Protein backbone atom coordinates (compact mmCIF):
# COMPACT_ATOMS: atom_id res chain seq x y z
CA MET A 1 16.85 24.89 5.07
CA ALA A 2 16.72 23.46 1.56
CA GLU A 3 12.93 23.35 1.77
CA LYS A 4 12.78 27.00 2.76
CA GLU A 5 15.14 28.03 -0.04
CA ALA A 6 13.10 26.08 -2.57
CA HIS A 7 9.91 27.73 -1.37
CA GLN A 8 11.43 31.21 -1.44
CA SER A 9 12.81 30.64 -4.90
CA VAL A 10 9.56 29.62 -6.53
CA VAL A 11 7.53 32.26 -4.73
CA ALA A 12 10.08 34.88 -5.74
CA GLY A 13 9.51 33.80 -9.32
CA GLN A 14 5.86 34.81 -9.04
CA ASP A 15 6.84 38.43 -8.38
CA ALA A 16 9.20 38.83 -11.31
CA GLU A 17 7.02 41.50 -12.92
CA SER A 18 9.77 42.77 -15.19
CA HIS A 19 10.22 39.36 -16.82
CA PRO A 20 6.80 37.79 -16.98
CA GLY A 21 7.98 34.57 -18.60
CA ASP A 22 10.82 33.88 -16.18
CA VAL A 23 11.00 32.08 -12.89
CA SER A 24 14.04 32.27 -10.64
CA PRO A 25 16.24 29.19 -10.86
CA ALA A 26 15.16 26.69 -8.23
CA PRO A 27 17.34 24.25 -6.30
CA SER A 28 17.26 20.72 -7.72
CA ALA A 29 15.11 19.56 -4.76
CA ALA A 30 12.34 21.87 -5.96
CA LEU A 31 12.38 20.55 -9.51
CA ASP A 32 10.10 17.86 -10.86
CA GLU A 33 11.66 14.44 -11.55
CA THR A 34 10.75 14.88 -15.22
CA TYR A 35 12.00 18.49 -15.40
CA ASN A 36 14.75 17.76 -17.93
CA LEU A 37 12.24 16.25 -20.35
CA TYR A 38 9.88 19.16 -19.78
CA LYS A 39 12.57 21.70 -20.73
CA GLN A 40 13.01 20.09 -24.14
CA GLU A 41 9.82 21.66 -25.50
CA ASP A 42 7.25 24.37 -24.76
CA ALA A 43 4.15 22.72 -23.31
CA ASN A 44 1.94 25.22 -25.14
CA SER A 45 3.36 24.38 -28.58
CA LEU A 46 2.65 20.64 -28.68
CA ASP A 47 1.31 19.24 -31.92
CA PRO A 48 -2.32 18.25 -31.06
CA GLN A 49 -2.17 15.17 -33.28
CA GLU A 50 1.00 13.90 -31.60
CA ALA A 51 -0.50 14.59 -28.17
CA ARG A 52 -3.65 12.59 -29.05
CA GLN A 53 -1.56 9.66 -30.26
CA VAL A 54 0.40 9.61 -27.01
CA LEU A 55 -2.83 9.84 -25.01
CA ARG A 56 -4.18 6.78 -26.84
CA LYS A 57 -1.01 4.82 -26.01
CA ILE A 58 -1.27 5.86 -22.37
CA ASP A 59 -4.93 4.82 -22.23
CA LEU A 60 -4.21 1.44 -23.82
CA HIS A 61 -1.33 0.68 -21.44
CA ILE A 62 -1.94 2.45 -18.12
CA LEU A 63 -5.73 2.41 -17.81
CA PRO A 64 -6.20 -1.41 -18.06
CA ILE A 65 -3.55 -1.89 -15.36
CA LEU A 66 -5.36 0.54 -13.04
CA MET A 67 -8.73 -1.04 -13.81
CA MET A 68 -7.68 -4.62 -13.10
CA THR A 69 -5.83 -3.71 -9.90
CA TYR A 70 -8.73 -1.64 -8.60
CA MET A 71 -11.17 -4.45 -9.30
CA LEU A 72 -9.05 -6.94 -7.38
CA GLN A 73 -8.55 -4.69 -4.35
CA TYR A 74 -12.32 -4.26 -4.04
CA LEU A 75 -12.96 -7.96 -4.63
CA ASP A 76 -10.42 -8.99 -2.02
CA LYS A 77 -11.53 -6.62 0.72
CA SER A 78 -15.17 -7.60 0.06
CA ALA A 79 -14.44 -11.33 0.09
CA ILE A 80 -15.91 -11.64 3.59
CA ASN A 81 -19.22 -10.36 2.19
CA PHE A 82 -19.40 -13.25 -0.30
CA ALA A 83 -18.11 -15.75 2.26
CA SER A 84 -20.48 -14.59 5.03
CA VAL A 85 -23.42 -16.65 3.73
CA TYR A 86 -21.29 -19.79 3.25
CA GLY A 87 -20.28 -20.46 6.82
CA LEU A 88 -17.52 -17.90 7.45
CA LYS A 89 -18.89 -17.07 10.89
CA THR A 90 -19.06 -20.69 11.96
CA GLY A 91 -15.72 -21.61 10.38
CA THR A 92 -13.87 -18.83 12.20
CA ASN A 93 -15.94 -18.97 15.43
CA LEU A 94 -17.39 -15.45 15.16
CA HIS A 95 -20.02 -14.29 17.63
CA GLY A 96 -22.08 -11.13 18.21
CA GLN A 97 -20.37 -8.06 16.76
CA ASP A 98 -17.26 -10.00 15.65
CA TYR A 99 -18.25 -9.93 11.97
CA ALA A 100 -18.93 -6.18 12.06
CA TRP A 101 -15.52 -5.68 13.64
CA LEU A 102 -13.84 -7.53 10.77
CA SER A 103 -15.02 -4.75 8.46
CA SER A 104 -13.93 -2.03 10.88
CA ILE A 105 -10.55 -3.65 11.58
CA PHE A 106 -9.72 -3.66 7.86
CA TYR A 107 -10.12 0.12 7.84
CA LEU A 108 -8.15 0.50 11.08
CA GLY A 109 -5.25 -1.10 9.20
CA TYR A 110 -5.99 1.21 6.26
CA LEU A 111 -5.93 4.17 8.65
CA PHE A 112 -2.70 3.04 10.31
CA ALA A 113 -0.95 2.90 6.93
CA GLN A 114 -2.16 6.18 5.42
CA TYR A 115 0.70 8.50 6.31
CA PRO A 116 3.51 5.93 5.86
CA ALA A 117 1.94 4.94 2.52
CA GLY A 118 1.71 8.57 1.38
CA TYR A 119 5.31 9.25 2.34
CA LEU A 120 6.58 6.09 0.63
CA LEU A 121 4.53 6.80 -2.51
CA GLN A 122 6.43 10.07 -2.78
CA ARG A 123 9.87 8.70 -1.93
CA LEU A 124 9.83 5.31 -3.72
CA PRO A 125 9.25 4.33 -7.38
CA THR A 126 5.46 4.47 -7.64
CA GLY A 127 4.82 1.45 -9.87
CA LYS A 128 7.12 -0.89 -7.97
CA PHE A 129 5.77 0.15 -4.58
CA ILE A 130 2.11 -0.37 -5.56
CA GLY A 131 2.96 -3.67 -7.27
CA GLY A 132 4.82 -4.94 -4.20
CA THR A 133 1.92 -4.21 -1.88
CA THR A 134 -0.47 -5.89 -4.34
CA LEU A 135 1.58 -9.07 -4.11
CA ILE A 136 1.51 -8.99 -0.30
CA TRP A 137 -2.25 -8.50 -0.10
CA GLY A 138 -2.79 -11.42 -2.50
CA ILE A 139 -0.79 -13.62 -0.14
CA LEU A 140 -2.87 -12.40 2.82
CA VAL A 141 -6.13 -13.22 1.04
CA ILE A 142 -5.09 -16.72 -0.03
CA THR A 143 -3.98 -17.56 3.53
CA THR A 144 -7.27 -16.40 5.15
CA PRO A 145 -8.68 -19.98 5.33
CA ALA A 146 -5.90 -20.78 7.80
CA CYS A 147 -7.61 -18.48 10.32
CA LYS A 148 -9.70 -20.44 12.80
CA ASN A 149 -10.79 -17.77 15.30
CA PHE A 150 -11.56 -14.07 15.59
CA ALA A 151 -8.01 -13.11 16.62
CA GLY A 152 -6.52 -14.81 13.58
CA ILE A 153 -8.89 -13.43 10.97
CA ALA A 154 -8.86 -9.98 12.62
CA SER A 155 -5.06 -9.87 12.33
CA ASN A 156 -5.33 -10.95 8.70
CA ARG A 157 -7.90 -8.22 7.96
CA PHE A 158 -5.79 -5.55 9.67
CA LEU A 159 -2.74 -6.42 7.56
CA LEU A 160 -4.90 -6.55 4.44
CA GLY A 161 -6.02 -3.01 5.21
CA VAL A 162 -2.39 -1.91 5.64
CA THR A 163 -1.39 -3.22 2.21
CA GLU A 164 -4.51 -2.11 0.32
CA ALA A 165 -4.11 1.40 1.78
CA VAL A 166 -1.61 2.15 -0.98
CA VAL A 167 -4.01 1.68 -3.90
CA ASN A 168 -6.49 4.54 -3.60
CA PRO A 169 -4.06 7.39 -2.81
CA GLY A 170 -1.51 5.87 -5.17
CA PHE A 171 -3.93 5.82 -8.08
CA VAL A 172 -4.95 9.44 -7.44
CA LEU A 173 -1.28 10.39 -7.80
CA VAL A 174 -0.87 8.16 -10.87
CA THR A 175 -3.90 9.78 -12.52
CA ALA A 176 -2.40 13.25 -11.99
CA MET A 177 0.95 11.97 -13.29
CA TRP A 178 -0.38 10.78 -16.66
CA TYR A 179 -3.47 12.84 -17.50
CA GLN A 180 -4.50 16.45 -18.03
CA GLN A 181 -7.12 17.96 -15.72
CA ALA A 182 -9.95 17.67 -18.27
CA GLU A 183 -9.07 14.01 -18.91
CA GLN A 184 -8.90 12.93 -15.29
CA PRO A 185 -12.58 12.50 -14.32
CA LEU A 186 -13.37 9.99 -17.08
CA ARG A 187 -10.20 7.98 -16.44
CA LEU A 188 -10.63 8.03 -12.68
CA VAL A 189 -14.26 6.88 -12.77
CA THR A 190 -13.33 4.25 -15.37
CA TYR A 191 -11.02 2.46 -12.96
CA TYR A 192 -13.27 3.31 -9.99
CA SER A 193 -16.22 1.70 -11.78
CA MET A 194 -14.37 -1.58 -11.44
CA ASN A 195 -15.84 -1.70 -7.93
CA GLY A 196 -19.13 -2.45 -9.65
CA VAL A 197 -17.50 -4.97 -11.98
CA ALA A 198 -15.93 -6.62 -8.94
CA GLY A 199 -19.36 -6.85 -7.35
CA ILE A 200 -20.75 -8.57 -10.44
CA ILE A 201 -17.82 -10.96 -10.78
CA GLY A 202 -17.82 -11.63 -7.04
CA GLY A 203 -21.55 -12.32 -7.09
CA LEU A 204 -21.20 -14.76 -9.99
CA LEU A 205 -18.22 -16.49 -8.37
CA GLY A 206 -20.09 -16.56 -5.09
CA TYR A 207 -23.06 -18.14 -6.81
CA ALA A 208 -20.80 -20.76 -8.43
CA ILE A 209 -19.01 -21.48 -5.16
CA GLY A 210 -22.41 -22.09 -3.58
CA HIS A 211 -22.71 -25.18 -5.78
CA ILE A 212 -19.45 -26.75 -4.53
CA THR A 213 -20.50 -29.61 -2.27
CA SER A 214 -17.24 -31.47 -1.63
CA GLY A 215 -13.69 -30.80 -0.43
CA LEU A 216 -13.07 -27.75 1.74
CA GLN A 217 -15.71 -25.66 3.44
CA GLN A 218 -17.43 -23.38 0.92
CA TRP A 219 -16.29 -20.08 2.49
CA MET A 220 -12.64 -21.09 2.08
CA TYR A 221 -12.90 -21.29 -1.71
CA VAL A 222 -13.79 -17.60 -1.88
CA PHE A 223 -10.43 -16.57 -0.43
CA LEU A 224 -8.39 -19.21 -2.25
CA ILE A 225 -9.73 -18.21 -5.67
CA PHE A 226 -9.58 -14.44 -5.09
CA GLY A 227 -6.09 -14.63 -3.57
CA ALA A 228 -4.65 -16.73 -6.39
CA ILE A 229 -5.90 -14.23 -8.97
CA SER A 230 -4.38 -11.29 -7.07
CA ILE A 231 -0.96 -12.92 -6.71
CA THR A 232 -0.81 -13.67 -10.43
CA TRP A 233 -1.86 -10.13 -11.30
CA ALA A 234 0.71 -8.57 -8.93
CA VAL A 235 3.53 -10.17 -10.92
CA LEU A 236 2.14 -8.73 -14.15
CA PHE A 237 1.73 -5.31 -12.51
CA LEU A 238 5.39 -5.26 -11.47
CA LEU A 239 6.46 -6.18 -15.00
CA PHE A 240 4.36 -3.65 -16.93
CA MET A 241 3.56 -0.63 -14.73
CA PRO A 242 6.09 2.23 -15.22
CA ASP A 243 7.09 4.51 -12.35
CA LEU A 244 7.03 7.72 -14.43
CA PRO A 245 6.26 8.84 -17.99
CA SER A 246 10.02 9.33 -18.40
CA SER A 247 10.67 5.63 -17.66
CA ALA A 248 7.78 4.12 -19.66
CA ARG A 249 9.05 1.37 -21.97
CA PHE A 250 5.93 1.57 -24.13
CA LEU A 251 6.83 5.15 -25.17
CA ASN A 252 9.77 6.20 -27.34
CA GLN A 253 11.91 9.19 -26.36
CA ARG A 254 9.83 11.71 -28.31
CA GLU A 255 6.61 10.32 -26.82
CA LYS A 256 8.04 10.56 -23.30
CA VAL A 257 8.67 14.27 -23.85
CA ILE A 258 5.12 14.74 -25.11
CA ALA A 259 3.68 12.77 -22.16
CA VAL A 260 5.47 15.09 -19.72
CA GLU A 261 4.57 18.27 -21.62
CA ARG A 262 0.90 17.25 -21.72
CA VAL A 263 0.74 16.97 -17.95
CA ALA A 264 2.84 20.10 -17.34
CA VAL A 265 -0.10 22.27 -18.47
CA ASN A 266 -1.93 21.19 -15.28
CA LYS A 267 0.47 23.53 -13.42
CA GLN A 268 1.04 20.73 -10.91
CA GLY A 269 4.17 19.01 -12.22
CA VAL A 270 4.46 15.21 -12.53
CA LYS A 271 6.32 13.95 -9.45
CA ASN A 272 8.71 15.36 -6.87
CA SER A 273 10.31 12.98 -4.36
CA GLN A 274 11.48 15.69 -1.95
CA PHE A 275 9.21 15.95 1.10
CA LYS A 276 8.55 19.63 1.85
CA ARG A 277 7.40 20.42 5.37
CA TYR A 278 5.95 23.82 4.47
CA GLN A 279 3.58 22.15 2.00
CA MET A 280 2.33 19.78 4.70
CA ILE A 281 1.68 22.77 6.98
CA GLN A 282 -0.09 24.59 4.14
CA ALA A 283 -2.30 21.55 3.58
CA LEU A 284 -3.25 21.51 7.28
CA LYS A 285 -4.27 25.18 7.06
CA ASP A 286 -6.15 24.81 3.77
CA PRO A 287 -9.97 24.67 4.23
CA LYS A 288 -10.24 22.33 1.21
CA THR A 289 -8.33 19.66 3.13
CA TRP A 290 -10.86 19.55 5.93
CA ILE A 291 -13.92 19.87 3.71
CA LEU A 292 -12.69 16.80 1.79
CA PHE A 293 -11.92 15.03 5.09
CA PHE A 294 -15.45 15.41 6.45
CA MET A 295 -16.93 14.64 3.03
CA ALA A 296 -15.08 11.33 3.08
CA ILE A 297 -16.37 10.43 6.56
CA ALA A 298 -19.95 11.25 5.59
CA ALA A 299 -19.66 9.31 2.32
CA GLN A 300 -18.17 6.16 3.81
CA ILE A 301 -20.44 5.64 6.82
CA PRO A 302 -23.09 4.23 4.41
CA ASN A 303 -20.45 2.24 2.52
CA ALA A 304 -20.76 -0.84 4.73
CA ALA A 305 -24.20 -1.42 3.22
CA GLN A 306 -22.61 -1.73 -0.23
CA SER A 307 -19.53 -3.75 0.70
CA SER A 308 -19.53 -6.01 3.76
CA PHE A 309 -23.21 -6.25 4.71
CA ILE A 310 -25.21 -6.33 1.49
CA SER A 311 -25.58 -10.13 1.51
CA LEU A 312 -26.90 -10.04 5.08
CA ILE A 313 -29.19 -7.08 4.26
CA LEU A 314 -30.71 -8.99 1.36
CA GLU A 315 -31.25 -12.00 3.61
CA GLY A 316 -33.05 -9.64 5.99
CA PHE A 317 -35.27 -8.48 3.13
CA GLY A 318 -36.40 -12.10 2.75
CA PHE A 319 -34.26 -13.35 -0.16
CA GLY A 320 -32.61 -16.80 -0.13
CA VAL A 321 -28.88 -17.45 0.28
CA LEU A 322 -28.16 -17.97 -3.42
CA GLN A 323 -30.47 -15.09 -4.36
CA THR A 324 -28.35 -12.72 -2.26
CA GLN A 325 -25.43 -13.33 -4.63
CA TYR A 326 -27.04 -12.38 -7.94
CA MET A 327 -29.48 -9.83 -6.44
CA GLN A 328 -26.46 -7.56 -5.93
CA ILE A 329 -25.76 -7.35 -9.67
CA PRO A 330 -28.33 -4.65 -10.63
CA GLY A 331 -26.83 -2.31 -8.03
CA ASN A 332 -23.39 -2.96 -9.46
CA VAL A 333 -24.65 -2.19 -12.98
CA ILE A 334 -26.15 1.09 -11.73
CA GLN A 335 -22.82 1.93 -10.10
CA ILE A 336 -20.85 1.29 -13.29
CA LEU A 337 -23.20 3.23 -15.57
CA SER A 338 -23.57 6.19 -13.20
CA LEU A 339 -19.79 6.46 -12.80
CA LEU A 340 -19.08 6.33 -16.51
CA LEU A 341 -21.81 8.89 -17.26
CA SER A 342 -20.55 11.24 -14.55
CA GLY A 343 -16.97 10.90 -15.80
CA TYR A 344 -18.03 11.63 -19.38
CA ILE A 345 -20.01 14.72 -18.37
CA SER A 346 -17.21 16.04 -16.14
CA SER A 347 -14.57 15.54 -18.84
CA LYS A 348 -16.71 16.81 -21.72
CA TYR A 349 -18.11 19.92 -20.05
CA PRO A 350 -15.99 22.29 -17.93
CA ASN A 351 -16.71 22.94 -14.26
CA MET A 352 -19.40 20.26 -13.89
CA ARG A 353 -17.73 18.12 -11.23
CA CYS A 354 -19.44 19.56 -8.17
CA ILE A 355 -22.81 19.55 -9.95
CA VAL A 356 -22.33 15.88 -10.85
CA MET A 357 -21.36 15.12 -7.23
CA LEU A 358 -24.42 16.95 -5.96
CA THR A 359 -26.74 15.06 -8.32
CA GLY A 360 -25.38 11.66 -7.27
CA ASN A 361 -25.65 12.58 -3.59
CA LEU A 362 -29.25 13.78 -3.89
CA ILE A 363 -30.25 10.43 -5.42
CA CYS A 364 -28.58 8.71 -2.46
CA VAL A 365 -30.43 10.95 0.01
CA ALA A 366 -33.73 9.93 -1.59
CA ALA A 367 -32.71 6.25 -1.50
CA GLY A 368 -31.65 6.50 2.14
CA ALA A 369 -34.96 8.14 3.04
CA ALA A 370 -36.80 5.26 1.34
CA LEU A 371 -34.83 2.65 3.33
CA VAL A 372 -35.81 4.43 6.55
CA ALA A 373 -39.44 5.10 5.68
CA LEU A 374 -40.62 2.02 3.76
CA ALA A 375 -42.35 -0.72 5.71
CA THR A 376 -40.37 -3.92 6.22
CA ASP A 377 -42.79 -5.90 4.05
CA GLN A 378 -42.00 -3.67 1.05
CA LYS A 379 -38.96 -5.75 0.14
CA TRP A 380 -38.90 -4.83 -3.56
CA GLY A 381 -39.14 -1.09 -2.88
CA ARG A 382 -36.37 -1.39 -0.30
CA LEU A 383 -34.31 -3.44 -2.77
CA VAL A 384 -34.58 -0.72 -5.44
CA ALA A 385 -33.59 1.91 -2.85
CA LEU A 386 -30.56 -0.19 -1.93
CA TRP A 387 -29.59 -0.44 -5.61
CA LEU A 388 -29.89 3.36 -5.97
CA CYS A 389 -27.46 3.80 -3.07
CA SER A 390 -24.85 2.73 -5.64
CA PHE A 391 -24.85 6.36 -6.82
CA GLN A 392 -22.67 7.08 -3.77
CA SER A 393 -19.65 6.08 -5.86
CA VAL A 394 -20.22 9.12 -8.10
CA GLY A 395 -19.71 11.56 -5.24
CA PHE A 396 -16.64 9.85 -3.83
CA ALA A 397 -14.95 9.35 -7.19
CA MET A 398 -15.47 13.02 -8.05
CA SER A 399 -14.02 14.04 -4.68
CA LEU A 400 -10.83 12.18 -5.65
CA THR A 401 -10.57 14.33 -8.79
CA MET A 402 -10.55 17.36 -6.51
CA ILE A 403 -7.16 16.16 -5.28
CA SER A 404 -5.75 15.09 -8.63
CA SER A 405 -6.90 18.29 -10.39
CA ASN A 406 -7.03 21.00 -7.71
CA ILE A 407 -4.09 20.35 -5.38
CA ALA A 408 -0.58 21.29 -6.54
CA GLY A 409 2.76 20.73 -4.85
CA TYR A 410 3.56 17.03 -4.64
CA THR A 411 3.95 16.88 -0.86
CA LYS A 412 0.73 18.82 -0.45
CA LYS A 413 -1.09 16.57 -2.92
CA GLN A 414 -0.05 13.31 -1.25
CA PHE A 415 -0.65 14.75 2.25
CA THR A 416 -4.12 16.02 1.34
CA GLY A 417 -4.87 12.61 -0.15
CA ALA A 418 -3.74 10.99 3.10
CA VAL A 419 -6.06 13.25 5.12
CA LEU A 420 -8.98 12.43 2.82
CA PHE A 421 -8.33 8.71 3.19
CA VAL A 422 -8.08 9.06 6.96
CA GLY A 423 -11.63 10.37 6.72
CA TYR A 424 -12.42 7.45 4.39
CA CYS A 425 -11.16 5.05 7.07
CA VAL A 426 -13.00 6.78 9.91
CA GLY A 427 -16.28 6.52 7.99
CA ASN A 428 -15.65 2.88 7.17
CA VAL A 429 -14.81 2.07 10.80
CA ILE A 430 -18.02 3.73 11.99
CA GLY A 431 -20.28 2.30 9.27
CA PRO A 432 -20.16 -1.41 10.19
CA GLN A 433 -20.85 -0.56 13.84
CA THR A 434 -24.25 0.84 12.85
CA PHE A 435 -25.21 -2.72 11.89
CA ARG A 436 -26.05 -3.96 15.38
CA ALA A 437 -26.21 -7.74 15.75
CA ALA A 438 -29.16 -7.31 18.13
CA GLU A 439 -31.11 -5.55 15.33
CA ALA A 440 -30.58 -8.30 12.73
CA PRO A 441 -31.98 -8.89 10.21
CA LEU A 442 -33.65 -5.45 9.77
CA TYR A 443 -30.84 -3.10 11.01
CA PRO A 444 -32.94 0.10 11.46
CA SER A 445 -30.04 2.08 13.01
CA ALA A 446 -27.89 1.40 9.95
CA TYR A 447 -30.50 2.87 7.59
CA ILE A 448 -30.74 6.05 9.68
CA ALA A 449 -26.93 6.35 9.58
CA ILE A 450 -27.02 5.91 5.78
CA LEU A 451 -29.50 8.79 5.42
CA VAL A 452 -27.54 11.08 7.76
CA GLY A 453 -24.25 10.35 5.99
CA TYR A 454 -25.62 11.10 2.53
CA SER A 455 -27.27 14.31 3.74
CA ALA A 456 -24.09 15.62 5.37
CA LYS A 457 -22.03 14.81 2.24
CA THR A 458 -24.50 16.74 0.07
CA ALA A 459 -24.19 19.87 2.23
CA LEU A 460 -20.38 19.67 2.20
CA VAL A 461 -20.27 19.49 -1.61
CA VAL A 462 -22.07 22.84 -1.71
CA VAL A 463 -19.54 24.31 0.75
CA LEU A 464 -16.59 23.05 -1.33
CA TYR A 465 -18.03 24.46 -4.55
CA LEU A 466 -18.65 27.90 -3.00
CA TYR A 467 -15.14 27.99 -1.53
CA MET A 468 -13.38 27.20 -4.82
CA TRP A 469 -15.70 29.39 -6.92
CA THR A 470 -15.06 32.33 -4.59
CA ALA A 471 -11.28 31.73 -4.73
CA ASN A 472 -11.32 31.72 -8.55
CA LYS A 473 -13.31 34.96 -8.69
CA ARG A 474 -10.95 36.62 -6.21
CA ARG A 475 -7.90 35.66 -8.29
CA ASP A 476 -9.58 36.93 -11.44
CA ARG A 477 -10.27 40.29 -9.74
CA GLU A 478 -6.69 40.53 -8.45
CA ALA A 479 -5.33 39.76 -11.92
CA ALA A 480 -7.56 42.42 -13.46
CA ILE A 481 -6.45 45.04 -10.95
CA SER A 482 -2.76 44.27 -11.44
CA GLY A 483 -3.09 43.96 -15.21
CA SER A 484 -1.64 40.43 -15.08
CA HIS A 485 -4.28 38.45 -16.96
CA LEU A 486 -3.22 34.99 -18.06
CA THR A 487 -1.41 35.98 -21.23
CA ALA A 488 0.77 33.40 -23.00
CA ASP A 489 3.77 34.52 -20.92
CA ARG A 490 1.81 34.35 -17.66
CA GLU A 491 0.47 30.94 -18.58
CA LYS A 492 4.01 29.74 -19.32
CA GLU A 493 5.16 31.08 -15.97
CA ALA A 494 2.34 29.30 -14.15
CA ILE A 495 3.28 26.01 -15.88
CA GLU A 496 6.95 26.53 -14.95
CA GLN A 497 6.00 27.07 -11.32
CA GLY A 498 4.04 23.81 -11.40
CA MET A 499 7.18 22.01 -12.60
CA GLN A 500 9.06 23.66 -9.72
CA ASP A 501 6.58 22.10 -7.27
CA VAL A 502 4.72 25.28 -6.32
CA THR A 503 1.39 24.74 -4.59
CA GLU A 504 -1.92 25.94 -6.02
CA LEU A 505 -2.15 28.57 -3.27
CA ASP A 506 1.25 30.06 -4.16
CA ASN A 507 0.86 29.80 -7.94
CA LYS A 508 -1.33 32.80 -8.80
CA GLY A 509 -1.90 31.49 -12.32
CA PHE A 510 -3.71 28.40 -10.97
CA ARG A 511 -7.51 28.17 -11.17
CA TYR A 512 -9.68 25.50 -9.56
CA VAL A 513 -11.64 23.12 -11.76
CA LEU A 514 -15.18 23.14 -10.43
């Protein structure tokens, strides 16, 4: 009943034609957790200099925390890739498709945890919840050498997937909590580019571990080193990551107000802990939800080639064991540079996100076609094509900004994120199974799956762009007919509705960022 009243209240506020700056008072459950700070100042009257100073403080404090955590989650889930050439299969008695299933089982755990993780991210203090799961996954990684058979390491990988499932959707919510829409692409790709940094660091560590000739088996050192780093970092995360702008110790009271007002202009609010069933239903009916879902599946089917199987692929190309470690680095560099460039373009120039996604996907389609078509003796051409597949990160990172920037209503945002990451898991479960043990070391079926996945993702980006562009044009026409263009009062009303947890479909002042 409270959910229905909250929804009726905020929607009623949209129709208050006689008082275009007012919104009907909403029950406390509908209000943002930072609403009291928001009411202390008009979001449209912020001093630009003060706002820039606060943004710099946020970047210096929040962004490094996100970057380091994201790097470690990628490093830890990819540890089996680095360990695979150092006796992991023999040490854990893996046979046939067992290794491929270790990659899939991780994402089954990730899938299992999606909806509980999304619900808990909304209900619990965000920083503490993410920090706690980081600590648990570090413990799981450092204990992996205790696994002596497929059942043991499969259980470990499943639980690792459960705990790491919090990071991606959690960081999408954190990005929306701290940054304006125009600022989000560059910040999101900055922490997302740490996947590439993790690949470089992992390759260098893997190369160094390859020179250890005494003590434990070589594959064990990969997990012991990576796990110890993650546990140490988790403690620091818990100490320094705030739950909300309003509770950030690195900001004074005035700066907290500015931090909230900056984000209020997104018309999405900051955080609301009240789960609203009608927003979940709206998300299920929203075409954007399912376009993003299928985009994620298509994008992640090829992902196994970049995460769990790249060392084995390079061995199949004819490179030596130690070469497989540092031969991955150029692809990681391409990933980092392409992400940062795409984030800069998307933040600098309005409505370029779908175009950037499309460009990255077309490069991947060409690379996938080369992997399928080139003869097996063309190892250097195939290697360059594999490196160019690193552009896939551009498309997926930009799809995450579609949630942080274009979905309003906190329940709807976290639920849509959960649906997208279900698709992410489905793609990552399917991907490793295209690497058939019987086809080693050439894996022709996997390369066909890579090409199909990239092609489908490219088509879906076009569909998403057309849907949002059409919706924006329709709202512009409706506003022109009703004479309710986004004047200062209308803009203020749209911001207020965002702070009252109104979804982007109900808030008629909302426009999609393309």
